[in-house]
PDB file of N, CA and C in Angstrom:
ATOM      1  N   MET A   1      90.842 119.244 108.720  1.00  0.00           N
ATOM      2  CA  MET A   1      89.978 118.145 109.071  1.00  0.00           C
ATOM      3  C   MET A   1      89.926 117.158 107.897  1.00  0.00           C
ATOM      4  N   ASN A   2      89.964 115.872 108.219  1.00  0.00           N
ATOM      5  CA  ASN A   2      89.860 114.810 107.228  1.00  0.00           C
ATOM      6  C   ASN A   2      88.399 114.530 106.938  1.00  0.00           C
ATOM      7  N   VAL A   3      88.104 114.212 105.707  1.00  0.00           N
ATOM      8  CA  VAL A   3      86.747 113.832 105.329  1.00  0.00           C
ATOM      9  C   VAL A   3      86.799 112.728 104.284  1.00  0.00           C
ATOM     10  N   MET A   4      85.798 111.873 104.318  1.00  0.00           N
ATOM     11  CA  MET A   4      85.678 110.826 103.315  1.00  0.00           C
ATOM     12  C   MET A   4      84.688 111.282 102.260  1.00  0.00           C
ATOM     13  N   LYS A   5      85.059 111.144 101.023  1.00  0.00           N
ATOM     14  CA  LYS A   5      84.181 111.511  99.908  1.00  0.00           C
ATOM     15  C   LYS A   5      83.313 110.323  99.514  1.00  0.00           C
ATOM     16  N   ARG A   6      82.056 110.587  99.187  1.00  0.00           N
ATOM     17  CA  ARG A   6      81.138 109.524  98.772  1.00  0.00           C
ATOM     18  C   ARG A   6      81.632 108.784  97.524  1.00  0.00           C
ATOM     19  N   GLU A   7      82.419 109.460  96.698  1.00  0.00           N
ATOM     20  CA  GLU A   7      82.919 108.833  95.477  1.00  0.00           C
ATOM     21  C   GLU A   7      83.788 107.607  95.780  1.00  0.00           C
ATOM     22  N   LEU A   8      84.365 107.531  96.981  1.00  0.00           N
ATOM     23  CA  LEU A   8      85.186 106.380  97.344  1.00  0.00           C
ATOM     24  C   LEU A   8      84.381 105.090  97.370  1.00  0.00           C
ATOM     25  N   MET A   9      83.081 105.177  97.578  1.00  0.00           N
ATOM     26  CA  MET A   9      82.241 103.983  97.643  1.00  0.00           C
ATOM     27  C   MET A   9      82.305 103.183  96.342  1.00  0.00           C
ATOM     28  N   GLU A  10      82.623 103.837  95.235  1.00  0.00           N
ATOM     29  CA  GLU A  10      82.699 103.152  93.952  1.00  0.00           C
ATOM     30  C   GLU A  10      83.906 102.220  93.868  1.00  0.00           C
ATOM     31  N   ILE A  11      84.959 102.484  94.640  1.00  0.00           N
ATOM     32  CA  ILE A  11      86.184 101.690  94.530  1.00  0.00           C
ATOM     33  C   ILE A  11      86.479 100.852  95.767  1.00  0.00           C
ATOM     34  N   LEU A  12      85.802 101.107  96.884  1.00  0.00           N
ATOM     35  CA  LEU A  12      86.071 100.350  98.104  1.00  0.00           C
ATOM     36  C   LEU A  12      85.366  98.996  98.084  1.00  0.00           C
ATOM     37  N   ALA A  13      86.051  97.991  98.640  1.00  0.00           N
ATOM     38  CA  ALA A  13      85.480  96.657  98.807  1.00  0.00           C
ATOM     39  C   ALA A  13      85.971  96.113 100.141  1.00  0.00           C
ATOM     40  N   CYS A  14      85.277  95.143 100.667  1.00  0.00           N
ATOM     41  CA  CYS A  14      85.678  94.509 101.921  1.00  0.00           C
ATOM     42  C   CYS A  14      87.059  93.871 101.734  1.00  0.00           C
ATOM     43  N   PRO A  15      88.031  94.201 102.587  1.00  0.00           N
ATOM     44  CA  PRO A  15      89.361  93.607 102.443  1.00  0.00           C
ATOM     45  C   PRO A  15      89.405  92.128 102.824  1.00  0.00           C
ATOM     46  N   VAL A  16      88.393  91.639 103.523  1.00  0.00           N
ATOM     47  CA  VAL A  16      88.368  90.237 103.946  1.00  0.00           C
ATOM     48  C   VAL A  16      87.809  89.344 102.840  1.00  0.00           C
ATOM     49  N   CYS A  17      86.627  89.709 102.293  1.00  0.00           N
ATOM     50  CA  CYS A  17      85.974  88.827 101.314  1.00  0.00           C
ATOM     51  C   CYS A  17      85.764  89.486  99.950  1.00  0.00           C
ATOM     52  N   LYS A  18      86.130  90.749  99.822  1.00  0.00           N
ATOM     53  CA  LYS A  18      85.977  91.525  98.573  1.00  0.00           C
ATOM     54  C   LYS A  18      84.520  91.850  98.244  1.00  0.00           C
ATOM     55  N   GLY A  19      83.622  91.708  99.230  1.00  0.00           N
ATOM     56  CA  GLY A  19      82.214  92.016  99.027  1.00  0.00           C
ATOM     57  C   GLY A  19      81.942  93.507  98.941  1.00  0.00           C
ATOM     58  N   ASP A  20      80.755  93.855  98.470  1.00  0.00           N
ATOM     59  CA  ASP A  20      80.328  95.254  98.406  1.00  0.00           C
ATOM     60  C   ASP A  20      80.078  95.791  99.806  1.00  0.00           C
ATOM     61  N   LEU A  21      80.281  97.101  99.953  1.00  0.00           N
ATOM     62  CA  LEU A  21      80.101  97.760 101.244  1.00  0.00           C
ATOM     63  C   LEU A  21      78.890  98.671 101.221  1.00  0.00           C
ATOM     64  N   GLU A  22      78.220  98.753 102.367  1.00  0.00           N
ATOM     65  CA  GLU A  22      77.086  99.655 102.571  1.00  0.00           C
ATOM     66  C   GLU A  22      77.556 100.749 103.520  1.00  0.00           C
ATOM     67  N   LEU A  23      77.214 101.982 103.213  1.00  0.00           N
ATOM     68  CA  LEU A  23      77.626 103.131 104.010  1.00  0.00           C
ATOM     69  C   LEU A  23      76.528 103.536 104.981  1.00  0.00           C
ATOM     70  N   GLU A  24      76.890 103.699 106.249  1.00  0.00           N
ATOM     71  CA  GLU A  24      75.981 104.236 107.272  1.00  0.00           C
ATOM     72  C   GLU A  24      76.668 105.456 107.863  1.00  0.00           C
ATOM     73  N   VAL A  25      76.064 106.616 107.687  1.00  0.00           N
ATOM     74  CA  VAL A  25      76.662 107.878 108.121  1.00  0.00           C
ATOM     75  C   VAL A  25      76.042 108.320 109.433  1.00  0.00           C
ATOM     76  N   THR A  26      76.904 108.676 110.413  1.00  0.00           N
ATOM     77  CA  THR A  26      76.392 109.195 111.678  1.00  0.00           C
ATOM     78  C   THR A  26      76.635 110.693 111.821  1.00  0.00           C
ATOM     79  N   ILE A  27      77.669 111.221 111.182  1.00  0.00           N
ATOM     80  CA  ILE A  27      77.912 112.666 111.160  1.00  0.00           C
ATOM     81  C   ILE A  27      78.261 113.052 109.739  1.00  0.00           C
ATOM     82  N   GLU A  28      77.494 113.970 109.182  1.00  0.00           N
ATOM     83  CA  GLU A  28      77.733 114.376 107.807  1.00  0.00           C
ATOM     84  C   GLU A  28      77.512 115.871 107.685  1.00  0.00           C
ATOM     85  N   GLY A  29      78.516 116.538 107.166  1.00  0.00           N
ATOM     86  CA  GLY A  29      78.369 117.929 106.776  1.00  0.00           C
ATOM     87  C   GLY A  29      78.304 117.902 105.266  1.00  0.00           C
ATOM     88  N   ASP A  30      79.268 118.553 104.626  1.00  0.00           N
ATOM     89  CA  ASP A  30      79.368 118.456 103.176  1.00  0.00           C
ATOM     90  C   ASP A  30      79.975 117.116 102.763  1.00  0.00           C
ATOM     91  N   GLU A  31      80.787 116.548 103.652  1.00  0.00           N
ATOM     92  CA  GLU A  31      81.384 115.237 103.417  1.00  0.00           C
ATOM     93  C   GLU A  31      81.134 114.358 104.637  1.00  0.00           C
ATOM     94  N   ILE A  32      81.527 113.088 104.532  1.00  0.00           N
ATOM     95  CA  ILE A  32      81.300 112.123 105.607  1.00  0.00           C
ATOM     96  C   ILE A  32      82.397 112.267 106.653  1.00  0.00           C
ATOM     97  N   GLU A  33      82.015 112.553 107.896  1.00  0.00           N
ATOM     98  CA  GLU A  33      82.978 112.704 108.982  1.00  0.00           C
ATOM     99  C   GLU A  33      83.026 111.470 109.867  1.00  0.00           C
ATOM    100  N   ALA A  34      81.885 110.820 110.086  1.00  0.00           N
ATOM    101  CA  ALA A  34      81.845 109.642 110.958  1.00  0.00           C
ATOM    102  C   ALA A  34      80.729 108.709 110.509  1.00  0.00           C
ATOM    103  N   GLY A  35      80.903 107.440 110.817  1.00  0.00           N
ATOM    104  CA  GLY A  35      79.923 106.423 110.468  1.00  0.00           C
ATOM    105  C   GLY A  35      80.617 105.088 110.373  1.00  0.00           C
ATOM    106  N   TYR A  36      80.112 104.235 109.501  1.00  0.00           N
ATOM    107  CA  TYR A  36      80.781 102.958 109.293  1.00  0.00           C
ATOM    108  C   TYR A  36      80.402 102.387 107.930  1.00  0.00           C
ATOM    109  N   LEU A  37      81.248 101.469 107.482  1.00  0.00           N
ATOM    110  CA  LEU A  37      81.002 100.699 106.275  1.00  0.00           C
ATOM    111  C   LEU A  37      80.724  99.272 106.716  1.00  0.00           C
ATOM    112  N   ARG A  38      79.690  98.650 106.168  1.00  0.00           N
ATOM    113  CA  ARG A  38      79.351  97.270 106.509  1.00  0.00           C
ATOM    114  C   ARG A  38      79.381  96.438 105.231  1.00  0.00           C
ATOM    115  N   CYS A  39      80.069  95.302 105.316  1.00  0.00           N
ATOM    116  CA  CYS A  39      80.133  94.394 104.178  1.00  0.00           C
ATOM    117  C   CYS A  39      78.795  93.682 104.035  1.00  0.00           C
ATOM    118  N   LEU A  40      78.256  93.685 102.821  1.00  0.00           N
ATOM    119  CA  LEU A  40      76.976  93.045 102.553  1.00  0.00           C
ATOM    120  C   LEU A  40      77.104  91.525 102.435  1.00  0.00           C
ATOM    121  N   VAL A  41      78.341  91.008 102.351  1.00  0.00           N
ATOM    122  CA  VAL A  41      78.553  89.570 102.214  1.00  0.00           C
ATOM    123  C   VAL A  41      78.885  88.929 103.563  1.00  0.00           C
ATOM    124  N   CYS A  42      79.938  89.419 104.240  1.00  0.00           N
ATOM    125  CA  CYS A  42      80.376  88.770 105.480  1.00  0.00           C
ATOM    126  C   CYS A  42      79.922  89.506 106.744  1.00  0.00           C
ATOM    127  N   GLY A  43      79.407  90.736 106.610  1.00  0.00           N
ATOM    128  CA  GLY A  43      78.850  91.465 107.743  1.00  0.00           C
ATOM    129  C   GLY A  43      79.835  92.220 108.608  1.00  0.00           C
ATOM    130  N   ILE A  44      81.125  92.189 108.281  1.00  0.00           N
ATOM    131  CA  ILE A  44      82.109  92.932 109.077  1.00  0.00           C
ATOM    132  C   ILE A  44      81.864  94.423 108.897  1.00  0.00           C
ATOM    133  N   THR A  45      82.010  95.186 109.984  1.00  0.00           N
ATOM    134  CA  THR A  45      81.872  96.635 109.909  1.00  0.00           C
ATOM    135  C   THR A  45      83.234  97.296 110.061  1.00  0.00           C
ATOM    136  N   TYR A  46      83.400  98.397 109.346  1.00  0.00           N
ATOM    137  CA  TYR A  46      84.632  99.174 109.343  1.00  0.00           C
ATOM    138  C   TYR A  46      84.271 100.604 109.742  1.00  0.00           C
ATOM    139  N   PRO A  47      84.813 101.092 110.866  1.00  0.00           N
ATOM    140  CA  PRO A  47      84.445 102.430 111.333  1.00  0.00           C
ATOM    141  C   PRO A  47      85.055 103.534 110.478  1.00  0.00           C
ATOM    142  N   ILE A  48      84.330 104.645 110.404  1.00  0.00           N
ATOM    143  CA  ILE A  48      84.837 105.873 109.794  1.00  0.00           C
ATOM    144  C   ILE A  48      84.933 106.877 110.926  1.00  0.00           C
ATOM    145  N   GLU A  49      86.138 107.319 111.239  1.00  0.00           N
ATOM    146  CA  GLU A  49      86.358 108.281 112.313  1.00  0.00           C
ATOM    147  C   GLU A  49      87.199 109.425 111.785  1.00  0.00           C
ATOM    148  N   ASP A  50      86.780 110.639 112.060  1.00  0.00           N
ATOM    149  CA  ASP A  50      87.462 111.836 111.562  1.00  0.00           C
ATOM    150  C   ASP A  50      87.638 111.782 110.054  1.00  0.00           C
ATOM    151  N   GLY A  51      86.646 111.210 109.365  1.00  0.00           N
ATOM    152  CA  GLY A  51      86.656 111.166 107.916  1.00  0.00           C
ATOM    153  C   GLY A  51      87.525 110.092 107.301  1.00  0.00           C
ATOM    154  N   ILE A  52      88.126 109.218 108.119  1.00  0.00           N
ATOM    155  CA  ILE A  52      89.027 108.191 107.607  1.00  0.00           C
ATOM    156  C   ILE A  52      88.456 106.808 107.878  1.00  0.00           C
ATOM    157  N   PRO A  53      88.188 106.022 106.824  1.00  0.00           N
ATOM    158  CA  PRO A  53      87.703 104.661 107.047  1.00  0.00           C
ATOM    159  C   PRO A  53      88.848 103.753 107.500  1.00  0.00           C
ATOM    160  N   ASN A  54      88.618 102.973 108.555  1.00  0.00           N
ATOM    161  CA  ASN A  54      89.601 102.006 109.042  1.00  0.00           C
ATOM    162  C   ASN A  54      89.275 100.674 108.383  1.00  0.00           C
ATOM    163  N   MET A  55      90.012 100.345 107.328  1.00  0.00           N
ATOM    164  CA  MET A  55      89.721  99.165 106.537  1.00  0.00           C
ATOM    165  C   MET A  55      90.534  97.950 106.973  1.00  0.00           C
ATOM    166  N   LEU A  56      91.107  97.995 108.167  1.00  0.00           N
ATOM    167  CA  LEU A  56      91.790  96.811 108.691  1.00  0.00           C
ATOM    168  C   LEU A  56      90.778  95.778 109.161  1.00  0.00           C
ATOM    169  N   PRO A  57      91.064  94.490 108.943  1.00  0.00           N
ATOM    170  CA  PRO A  57      90.192  93.461 109.503  1.00  0.00           C
ATOM    171  C   PRO A  57      90.143  93.596 111.021  1.00  0.00           C
ATOM    172  N   PRO A  58      89.038  93.238 111.650  1.00  0.00           N
ATOM    173  CA  PRO A  58      88.874  93.439 113.108  1.00  0.00           C
ATOM    174  C   PRO A  58      90.030  92.909 113.945  1.00  0.00           C
ATOM    175  N   GLU A  59      90.604  91.770 113.584  1.00  0.00           N
ATOM    176  CA  GLU A  59      91.675  91.199 114.407  1.00  0.00           C
ATOM    177  C   GLU A  59      92.977  91.979 114.322  1.00  0.00           C
ATOM    178  N   LEU A  60      93.100  92.906 113.366  1.00  0.00           N
ATOM    179  CA  LEU A  60      94.316  93.709 113.236  1.00  0.00           C
ATOM    180  C   LEU A  60      94.164  95.136 113.768  1.00  0.00           C
ATOM    181  N   ARG A  61      92.956  95.495 114.204  1.00  0.00           N
ATOM    182  CA  ARG A  61      92.741  96.838 114.757  1.00  0.00           C
ATOM    183  C   ARG A  61      93.272  96.911 116.183  1.00  0.00           C
ATOM    184  N   ALA A  62      93.815  98.065 116.517  1.00  0.00           N
ATOM    185  CA  ALA A  62      94.366  98.246 117.876  1.00  0.00           C
ATOM    186  C   ALA A  62      93.289  98.526 118.873  1.00  0.00           C
TER     187      ALA A  62
END
């Protein structure tokens, strides 16, 4: 199973505007399994599914 570590928050930034990200967790065990990252500058949200953040801009997501 894939999981996202909280330590990644120190290095992640919004790929669109380079703003800081806020983490919202919807499923958490020992690590983050699901939730989303929201940019505090431009407001774009990036989903976290199966522990993997999808950092593609919305127009490039399938």
